[in-house]
């Protein structure tokens, strides 16, 4: 199948699939026309996708502030809310 069709089927951007292909994570071959043909998992005899990409942990900075010194006790609660939101939304 074409690389673009593979990307759509796997739910990733074309650029991501192209990078995987260039890094050797996908089995396939480039055609003289410039089209990259990817061997589908069914054609390779596998039942799962051939790509194994490890998800790395991301570091995110969360910043909280208050407008006045008298609101400082609310700062911890605000920071906790921001951290919970960040965890929930990746």
PDB file of N, CA and C in Angstrom:
ATOM      1  N   UNK A   1       0.836  -1.170   0.000  1.00  0.00           N
ATOM      2  CA  UNK A   1       0.000   0.000   0.000  1.00  0.00           C
ATOM      3  C   UNK A   1       0.887   1.241   0.000  1.00  0.00           C
ATOM      4  N   UNK A   2       0.331   2.333  -0.475  1.00  0.00           N
ATOM      5  CA  UNK A   2       1.095   3.580  -0.489  1.00  0.00           C
ATOM      6  C   UNK A   2       1.333   4.053   0.932  1.00  0.00           C
ATOM      7  N   UNK A   3       2.411   4.792   1.096  1.00  0.00           N
ATOM      8  CA  UNK A   3       2.781   5.298   2.409  1.00  0.00           C
ATOM      9  C   UNK A   3       1.671   6.188   2.979  1.00  0.00           C
ATOM     10  N   UNK A   4       1.045   7.001   2.141  1.00  0.00           N
ATOM     11  CA  UNK A   4      -0.028   7.884   2.598  1.00  0.00           C
ATOM     12  C   UNK A   4      -1.216   7.065   3.099  1.00  0.00           C
ATOM     13  N   UNK A   5      -1.558   5.999   2.388  1.00  0.00           N
ATOM     14  CA  UNK A   5      -2.660   5.142   2.822  1.00  0.00           C
ATOM     15  C   UNK A   5      -2.319   4.445   4.137  1.00  0.00           C
ATOM     16  N   UNK A   6      -1.072   4.024   4.276  1.00  0.00           N
ATOM     17  CA  UNK A   6      -0.631   3.394   5.522  1.00  0.00           C
ATOM     18  C   UNK A   6      -0.776   4.371   6.686  1.00  0.00           C
ATOM     19  N   UNK A   7      -0.358   5.620   6.470  1.00  0.00           N
ATOM     20  CA  UNK A   7      -0.444   6.628   7.527  1.00  0.00           C
ATOM     21  C   UNK A   7      -1.894   6.846   7.944  1.00  0.00           C
ATOM     22  N   UNK A   8      -2.797   6.932   6.977  1.00  0.00           N
ATOM     23  CA  UNK A   8      -4.216   7.115   7.298  1.00  0.00           C
ATOM     24  C   UNK A   8      -4.754   5.920   8.082  1.00  0.00           C
ATOM     25  N   UNK A   9      -4.380   4.718   7.642  1.00  0.00           N
ATOM     26  CA  UNK A   9      -4.861   3.501   8.297  1.00  0.00           C
ATOM     27  C   UNK A   9      -4.375   3.417   9.745  1.00  0.00           C
ATOM     28  N   UNK A  10      -3.145   3.843   9.993  1.00  0.00           N
ATOM     29  CA  UNK A  10      -2.578   3.774  11.332  1.00  0.00           C
ATOM     30  C   UNK A  10      -2.930   4.993  12.182  1.00  0.00           C
ATOM     31  N   UNK A  11      -3.510   6.014  11.572  1.00  0.00           N
ATOM     32  CA  UNK A  11      -3.910   7.193  12.335  1.00  0.00           C
ATOM     33  C   UNK A  11      -2.760   8.116  12.683  1.00  0.00           C
ATOM     34  N   UNK A  12      -1.731   8.159  11.830  1.00  0.00           N
ATOM     35  CA  UNK A  12      -0.602   9.052  12.056  1.00  0.00           C
ATOM     36  C   UNK A  12      -0.462   9.983  10.866  1.00  0.00           C
ATOM     37  N   UNK A  13       0.295  11.041  11.035  1.00  0.00           N
ATOM     38  CA  UNK A  13       0.548  11.966   9.929  1.00  0.00           C
ATOM     39  C   UNK A  13       1.463  11.319   8.906  1.00  0.00           C
ATOM     40  N   UNK A  14       1.356  11.766   7.668  1.00  0.00           N
ATOM     41  CA  UNK A  14       2.192  11.248   6.592  1.00  0.00           C
ATOM     42  C   UNK A  14       3.672  11.437   6.917  1.00  0.00           C
ATOM     43  N   UNK A  15       4.009  12.595   7.474  1.00  0.00           N
ATOM     44  CA  UNK A  15       5.406  12.885   7.793  1.00  0.00           C
ATOM     45  C   UNK A  15       5.964  11.890   8.811  1.00  0.00           C
ATOM     46  N   UNK A  16       5.138  11.487   9.771  1.00  0.00           N
ATOM     47  CA  UNK A  16       5.568  10.510  10.770  1.00  0.00           C
ATOM     48  C   UNK A  16       5.830   9.163  10.116  1.00  0.00           C
ATOM     49  N   UNK A  17       4.903   8.719   9.252  1.00  0.00           N
ATOM     50  CA  UNK A  17       5.084   7.450   8.553  1.00  0.00           C
ATOM     51  C   UNK A  17       6.320   7.502   7.658  1.00  0.00           C
ATOM     52  N   UNK A  18       6.550   8.627   7.003  1.00  0.00           N
ATOM     53  CA  UNK A  18       7.721   8.776   6.143  1.00  0.00           C
ATOM     54  C   UNK A  18       9.008   8.670   6.958  1.00  0.00           C
ATOM     55  N   UNK A  19       9.009   9.313   8.129  1.00  0.00           N
ATOM     56  CA  UNK A  19      10.181   9.251   9.002  1.00  0.00           C
ATOM     57  C   UNK A  19      10.433   7.808   9.464  1.00  0.00           C
ATOM     58  N   UNK A  20       9.355   7.088   9.837  1.00  0.00           N
ATOM     59  CA  UNK A  20       9.488   5.682  10.231  1.00  0.00           C
ATOM     60  C   UNK A  20      10.069   4.863   9.090  1.00  0.00           C
ATOM     61  N   UNK A  21       9.605   5.138   7.867  1.00  0.00           N
ATOM     62  CA  UNK A  21      10.095   4.416   6.697  1.00  0.00           C
ATOM     63  C   UNK A  21      11.579   4.700   6.479  1.00  0.00           C
ATOM     64  N   UNK A  22      11.979   5.954   6.567  1.00  0.00           N
ATOM     65  CA  UNK A  22      13.375   6.335   6.375  1.00  0.00           C
ATOM     66  C   UNK A  22      14.281   5.763   7.463  1.00  0.00           C
ATOM     67  N   UNK A  23      13.751   5.606   8.688  1.00  0.00           N
ATOM     68  CA  UNK A  23      14.536   5.055   9.791  1.00  0.00           C
ATOM     69  C   UNK A  23      14.577   3.535   9.768  1.00  0.00           C
ATOM     70  N   UNK A  24      13.808   2.919   8.859  1.00  0.00           N
ATOM     71  CA  UNK A  24      13.819   1.466   8.739  1.00  0.00           C
ATOM     72  C   UNK A  24      12.826   0.748   9.633  1.00  0.00           C
ATOM     73  N   UNK A  25      11.892   1.462  10.224  1.00  0.00           N
ATOM     74  CA  UNK A  25      10.894   0.835  11.089  1.00  0.00           C
ATOM     75  C   UNK A  25       9.775   0.184  10.287  1.00  0.00           C
ATOM     76  N   UNK A  26       9.607   0.577   9.027  1.00  0.00           N
ATOM     77  CA  UNK A  26       8.561   0.024   8.176  1.00  0.00           C
ATOM     78  C   UNK A  26       9.189  -0.742   7.031  1.00  0.00           C
ATOM     79  N   UNK A  27       8.631  -1.912   6.729  1.00  0.00           N
ATOM     80  CA  UNK A  27       9.107  -2.696   5.593  1.00  0.00           C
ATOM     81  C   UNK A  27       8.422  -2.182   4.335  1.00  0.00           C
ATOM     82  N   UNK A  28       9.198  -1.918   3.322  1.00  0.00           N
ATOM     83  CA  UNK A  28       8.652  -1.420   2.074  1.00  0.00           C
ATOM     84  C   UNK A  28       9.767  -1.102   1.103  1.00  0.00           C
ATOM     85  N   UNK A  29       9.377  -0.486   0.002  1.00  0.00           N
ATOM     86  CA  UNK A  29      10.387  -0.107  -0.988  1.00  0.00           C
ATOM     87  C   UNK A  29       9.944   1.141  -1.727  1.00  0.00           C
ATOM     88  N   UNK A  30      10.898   1.987  -2.090  1.00  0.00           N
ATOM     89  CA  UNK A  30      10.559   3.156  -2.903  1.00  0.00           C
ATOM     90  C   UNK A  30      10.493   2.755  -4.377  1.00  0.00           C
ATOM     91  N   UNK A  31       9.552   3.307  -5.102  1.00  0.00           N
ATOM     92  CA  UNK A  31       9.430   3.058  -6.531  1.00  0.00           C
ATOM     93  C   UNK A  31      10.211   4.123  -7.295  1.00  0.00           C
ATOM     94  N   UNK A  32      10.581   3.848  -8.540  1.00  0.00           N
ATOM     95  CA  UNK A  32      11.304   4.855  -9.329  1.00  0.00           C
ATOM     96  C   UNK A  32      10.530   6.164  -9.484  1.00  0.00           C
ATOM     97  N   UNK A  33       9.204   6.115  -9.377  1.00  0.00           N
ATOM     98  CA  UNK A  33       8.394   7.324  -9.515  1.00  0.00           C
ATOM     99  C   UNK A  33       8.476   8.209  -8.276  1.00  0.00           C
ATOM    100  N   UNK A  34       9.060   7.682  -7.175  1.00  0.00           N
ATOM    101  CA  UNK A  34       9.163   8.444  -5.940  1.00  0.00           C
ATOM    102  C   UNK A  34       8.138   8.017  -4.903  1.00  0.00           C
ATOM    103  N   UNK A  35       7.187   7.184  -5.307  1.00  0.00           N
ATOM    104  CA  UNK A  35       6.181   6.676  -4.385  1.00  0.00           C
ATOM    105  C   UNK A  35       6.790   5.613  -3.493  1.00  0.00           C
ATOM    106  N   UNK A  36       6.497   5.654  -2.227  1.00  0.00           N
ATOM    107  CA  UNK A  36       6.967   4.627  -1.296  1.00  0.00           C
ATOM    108  C   UNK A  36       5.841   3.633  -1.057  1.00  0.00           C
ATOM    109  N   UNK A  37       6.142   2.362  -1.263  1.00  0.00           N
ATOM    110  CA  UNK A  37       5.158   1.304  -1.064  1.00  0.00           C
ATOM    111  C   UNK A  37       5.508   0.561   0.206  1.00  0.00           C
ATOM    112  N   UNK A  38       4.548   0.469   1.106  1.00  0.00           N
ATOM    113  CA  UNK A  38       4.730  -0.197   2.394  1.00  0.00           C
ATOM    114  C   UNK A  38       4.055  -1.551   2.318  1.00  0.00           C
ATOM    115  N   UNK A  39       4.721  -2.587   2.837  1.00  0.00           N
ATOM    116  CA  UNK A  39       4.119  -3.904   2.888  1.00  0.00           C
ATOM    117  C   UNK A  39       3.165  -3.936   4.068  1.00  0.00           C
ATOM    118  N   UNK A  40       1.904  -4.238   3.806  1.00  0.00           N
ATOM    119  CA  UNK A  40       0.889  -4.273   4.854  1.00  0.00           C
ATOM    120  C   UNK A  40       1.203  -5.402   5.824  1.00  0.00           C
ATOM    121  N   UNK A  41       0.790  -5.271   7.079  1.00  0.00           N
ATOM    122  CA  UNK A  41       1.039  -6.336   8.060  1.00  0.00           C
ATOM    123  C   UNK A  41       0.509  -7.687   7.600  1.00  0.00           C
ATOM    124  N   UNK A  42      -0.625  -7.717   6.881  1.00  0.00           N
ATOM    125  CA  UNK A  42      -1.168  -8.983   6.392  1.00  0.00           C
ATOM    126  C   UNK A  42      -0.218  -9.612   5.372  1.00  0.00           C
ATOM    127  N   UNK A  43       0.426  -8.777   4.555  1.00  0.00           N
ATOM    128  CA  UNK A  43       1.350  -9.267   3.546  1.00  0.00           C
ATOM    129  C   UNK A  43       2.622  -9.803   4.177  1.00  0.00           C
ATOM    130  N   UNK A  44       2.970  -9.301   5.369  1.00  0.00           N
ATOM    131  CA  UNK A  44       4.190  -9.736   6.032  1.00  0.00           C
ATOM    132  C   UNK A  44       3.939 -10.936   6.932  1.00  0.00           C
ATOM    133  N   UNK A  45       2.671 -11.367   7.069  1.00  0.00           N
ATOM    134  CA  UNK A  45       2.355 -12.509   7.899  1.00  0.00           C
ATOM    135  C   UNK A  45       2.180 -12.155   9.365  1.00  0.00           C
ATOM    136  N   UNK A  46       2.110 -10.887   9.699  1.00  0.00           N
ATOM    137  CA  UNK A  46       1.937 -10.450  11.085  1.00  0.00           C
ATOM    138  C   UNK A  46       0.489 -10.032  11.296  1.00  0.00           C
ATOM    139  N   UNK A  47       0.047 -10.108  12.527  1.00  0.00           N
ATOM    140  CA  UNK A  47      -1.312  -9.675  12.830  1.00  0.00           C
ATOM    141  C   UNK A  47      -1.338  -8.299  13.453  1.00  0.00           C
ATOM    142  N   UNK A  48      -0.178  -7.800  13.871  1.00  0.00           N
ATOM    143  CA  UNK A  48      -0.104  -6.480  14.471  1.00  0.00           C
ATOM    144  C   UNK A  48       0.695  -5.576  13.570  1.00  0.00           C
ATOM    145  N   UNK A  49       0.652  -4.283  13.869  1.00  0.00           N
ATOM    146  CA  UNK A  49       1.411  -3.337  13.077  1.00  0.00           C
ATOM    147  C   UNK A  49       2.906  -3.594  13.245  1.00  0.00           C
ATOM    148  N   UNK A  50       3.711  -3.409  12.187  1.00  0.00           N
ATOM    149  CA  UNK A  50       5.129  -3.726  12.252  1.00  0.00           C
ATOM    150  C   UNK A  50       5.969  -2.689  12.972  1.00  0.00           C
ATOM    151  N   UNK A  51       5.376  -1.598  13.366  1.00  0.00           N
ATOM    152  CA  UNK A  51       6.133  -0.521  13.974  1.00  0.00           C
ATOM    153  C   UNK A  51       6.107  -0.668  15.484  1.00  0.00           C
ATOM    154  N   UNK A  52       7.266  -0.582  16.093  1.00  0.00           N
ATOM    155  CA  UNK A  52       7.350  -0.594  17.546  1.00  0.00           C
ATOM    156  C   UNK A  52       8.049   0.693  17.955  1.00  0.00           C
ATOM    157  N   UNK A  53       7.261   1.659  18.367  1.00  0.00           N
ATOM    158  CA  UNK A  53       7.802   2.958  18.736  1.00  0.00           C
ATOM    159  C   UNK A  53       7.579   3.160  20.227  1.00  0.00           C
ATOM    160  N   UNK A  54       8.642   3.362  20.951  1.00  0.00           N
ATOM    161  CA  UNK A  54       8.537   3.571  22.394  1.00  0.00           C
ATOM    162  C   UNK A  54       8.077   4.998  22.659  1.00  0.00           C
ATOM    163  N   UNK A  55       7.166   5.133  23.579  1.00  0.00           N
ATOM    164  CA  UNK A  55       6.684   6.452  23.968  1.00  0.00           C
ATOM    165  C   UNK A  55       7.575   6.951  25.099  1.00  0.00           C
ATOM    166  N   UNK A  56       8.170   8.083  24.891  1.00  0.00           N
ATOM    167  CA  UNK A  56       9.056   8.620  25.919  1.00  0.00           C
ATOM    168  C   UNK A  56       8.274   9.564  26.835  1.00  0.00           C
ATOM    169  N   UNK A  57       8.730   9.653  28.053  1.00  0.00           N
ATOM    170  CA  UNK A  57       8.094  10.551  29.011  1.00  0.00           C
ATOM    171  C   UNK A  57       8.439  11.995  28.652  1.00  0.00           C
ATOM    172  N   UNK A  58       7.454  12.853  28.778  1.00  0.00           N
ATOM    173  CA  UNK A  58       7.677  14.264  28.482  1.00  0.00           C
ATOM    174  C   UNK A  58       7.783  15.045  29.778  1.00  0.00           C
ATOM    175  N   UNK A  59       8.588  16.060  29.757  1.00  0.00           N
ATOM    176  CA  UNK A  59       8.718  16.956  30.895  1.00  0.00           C
ATOM    177  C   UNK A  59       7.958  18.227  30.555  1.00  0.00           C
ATOM    178  N   UNK A  60       7.069  18.619  31.454  1.00  0.00           N
ATOM    179  CA  UNK A  60       6.242  19.800  31.230  1.00  0.00           C
ATOM    180  C   UNK A  60       6.394  20.723  32.425  1.00  0.00           C
ATOM    181  N   UNK A  61       6.550  21.995  32.153  1.00  0.00           N
ATOM    182  CA  UNK A  61       6.618  22.994  33.221  1.00  0.00           C
ATOM    183  C   UNK A  61       5.231  23.593  33.406  1.00  0.00           C
ATOM    184  N   UNK A  62       4.786  23.644  34.646  1.00  0.00           N
ATOM    185  CA  UNK A  62       3.488  24.219  34.977  1.00  0.00           C
ATOM    186  C   UNK A  62       3.748  25.446  35.840  1.00  0.00           C
ATOM    187  N   UNK A  63       3.139  26.554  35.457  1.00  0.00           N
ATOM    188  CA  UNK A  63       3.351  27.796  36.181  1.00  0.00           C
ATOM    189  C   UNK A  63       2.019  28.310  36.721  1.00  0.00           C
ATOM    190  N   UNK A  64       2.018  28.710  37.966  1.00  0.00           N
ATOM    191  CA  UNK A  64       0.821  29.276  38.583  1.00  0.00           C
ATOM    192  C   UNK A  64       1.214  30.576  39.273  1.00  0.00           C
ATOM    193  N   UNK A  65       0.283  31.517  39.295  1.00  0.00           N
ATOM    194  CA  UNK A  65       0.561  32.779  39.976  1.00  0.00           C
ATOM    195  C   UNK A  65      -0.731  33.376  40.498  1.00  0.00           C
ATOM    196  N   UNK A  66      -0.590  34.244  41.446  1.00  0.00           N
ATOM    197  CA  UNK A  66      -1.738  34.963  42.001  1.00  0.00           C
ATOM    198  C   UNK A  66      -1.479  36.460  41.847  1.00  0.00           C
ATOM    199  N   UNK A  67      -2.561  37.234  41.836  1.00  0.00           N
ATOM    200  CA  UNK A  67      -2.447  38.662  41.586  1.00  0.00           C
ATOM    201  C   UNK A  67      -2.003  39.461  42.805  1.00  0.00           C
ATOM    202  N   UNK A  68      -2.312  38.964  43.978  1.00  0.00           N
ATOM    203  CA  UNK A  68      -1.987  39.726  45.186  1.00  0.00           C
ATOM    204  C   UNK A  68      -1.515  38.776  46.284  1.00  0.00           C
ATOM    205  N   UNK A  69      -0.782  39.333  47.238  1.00  0.00           N
ATOM    206  CA  UNK A  69      -0.223  38.535  48.328  1.00  0.00           C
ATOM    207  C   UNK A  69      -1.305  37.869  49.169  1.00  0.00           C
ATOM    208  N   UNK A  70      -2.461  38.506  49.284  1.00  0.00           N
ATOM    209  CA  UNK A  70      -3.511  37.906  50.112  1.00  0.00           C
ATOM    210  C   UNK A  70      -4.112  36.649  49.481  1.00  0.00           C
ATOM    211  N   UNK A  71      -3.875  36.424  48.187  1.00  0.00           N
ATOM    212  CA  UNK A  71      -4.374  35.232  47.500  1.00  0.00           C
ATOM    213  C   UNK A  71      -3.347  34.093  47.486  1.00  0.00           C
ATOM    214  N   UNK A  72      -2.228  34.303  48.124  1.00  0.00           N
ATOM    215  CA  UNK A  72      -1.156  33.306  48.120  1.00  0.00           C
ATOM    216  C   UNK A  72      -1.578  31.922  48.614  1.00  0.00           C
ATOM    217  N   UNK A  73      -2.454  31.817  49.625  1.00  0.00           N
ATOM    218  CA  UNK A  73      -2.886  30.482  50.058  1.00  0.00           C
ATOM    219  C   UNK A  73      -3.584  29.684  48.936  1.00  0.00           C
ATOM    220  N   UNK A  74      -4.146  30.377  47.967  1.00  0.00           N
ATOM    221  CA  UNK A  74      -4.821  29.705  46.856  1.00  0.00           C
ATOM    222  C   UNK A  74      -3.830  29.168  45.825  1.00  0.00           C
ATOM    223  N   UNK A  75      -2.568  29.559  45.935  1.00  0.00           N
ATOM    224  CA  UNK A  75      -1.562  29.197  44.946  1.00  0.00           C
ATOM    225  C   UNK A  75      -1.344  27.682  44.863  1.00  0.00           C
ATOM    226  N   UNK A  76      -1.252  27.013  45.996  1.00  0.00           N
ATOM    227  CA  UNK A  76      -1.044  25.562  46.004  1.00  0.00           C
ATOM    228  C   UNK A  76      -2.215  24.838  45.339  1.00  0.00           C
ATOM    229  N   UNK A  77      -3.428  25.261  45.651  1.00  0.00           N
ATOM    230  CA  UNK A  77      -4.612  24.644  45.058  1.00  0.00           C
ATOM    231  C   UNK A  77      -4.628  24.845  43.542  1.00  0.00           C
ATOM    232  N   UNK A  78      -4.236  26.033  43.105  1.00  0.00           N
ATOM    233  CA  UNK A  78      -4.182  26.333  41.684  1.00  0.00           C
ATOM    234  C   UNK A  78      -3.123  25.464  41.000  1.00  0.00           C
ATOM    235  N   UNK A  79      -1.954  25.324  41.623  1.00  0.00           N
ATOM    236  CA  UNK A  79      -0.892  24.488  41.058  1.00  0.00           C
ATOM    237  C   UNK A  79      -1.331  23.029  40.992  1.00  0.00           C
ATOM    238  N   UNK A  80      -2.016  22.543  42.007  1.00  0.00           N
ATOM    239  CA  UNK A  80      -2.525  21.169  41.999  1.00  0.00           C
ATOM    240  C   UNK A  80      -3.529  20.952  40.875  1.00  0.00           C
ATOM    241  N   UNK A  81      -4.407  21.933  40.668  1.00  0.00           N
ATOM    242  CA  UNK A  81      -5.379  21.832  39.574  1.00  0.00           C
ATOM    243  C   UNK A  81      -4.676  21.780  38.222  1.00  0.00           C
ATOM    244  N   UNK A  82      -3.665  22.615  38.034  1.00  0.00           N
ATOM    245  CA  UNK A  82      -2.921  22.626  36.771  1.00  0.00           C
ATOM    246  C   UNK A  82      -2.193  21.305  36.533  1.00  0.00           C
ATOM    247  N   UNK A  83      -1.622  20.747  37.583  1.00  0.00           N
ATOM    248  CA  UNK A  83      -0.932  19.462  37.435  1.00  0.00           C
ATOM    249  C   UNK A  83      -1.907  18.347  37.120  1.00  0.00           C
ATOM    250  N   UNK A  84      -3.076  18.340  37.746  1.00  0.00           N
ATOM    251  CA  UNK A  84      -4.095  17.327  37.459  1.00  0.00           C
ATOM    252  C   UNK A  84      -4.577  17.453  36.016  1.00  0.00           C
ATOM    253  N   UNK A  85      -4.779  18.684  35.561  1.00  0.00           N
ATOM    254  CA  UNK A  85      -5.200  18.905  34.175  1.00  0.00           C
ATOM    255  C   UNK A  85      -4.137  18.410  33.190  1.00  0.00           C
ATOM    256  N   UNK A  86      -2.873  18.699  33.494  1.00  0.00           N
ATOM    257  CA  UNK A  86      -1.771  18.281  32.620  1.00  0.00           C
ATOM    258  C   UNK A  86      -1.683  16.767  32.533  1.00  0.00           C
ATOM    259  N   UNK A  87      -1.820  16.093  33.664  1.00  0.00           N
ATOM    260  CA  UNK A  87      -1.779  14.623  33.663  1.00  0.00           C
ATOM    261  C   UNK A  87      -2.928  14.039  32.872  1.00  0.00           C
ATOM    262  N   UNK A  88      -4.104  14.611  33.029  1.00  0.00           N
ATOM    263  CA  UNK A  88      -5.299  14.083  32.354  1.00  0.00           C
ATOM    264  C   UNK A  88      -5.245  14.281  30.842  1.00  0.00           C
ATOM    265  N   UNK A  89      -4.575  15.336  30.394  1.00  0.00           N
ATOM    266  CA  UNK A  89      -4.566  15.656  28.958  1.00  0.00           C
ATOM    267  C   UNK A  89      -3.230  15.368  28.295  1.00  0.00           C
ATOM    268  N   UNK A  90      -2.416  14.583  28.918  1.00  0.00           N
ATOM    269  CA  UNK A  90      -1.166  14.162  28.300  1.00  0.00           C
ATOM    270  C   UNK A  90      -0.162  15.248  28.274  1.00  0.00           C
TER     271      UNK A  90
END
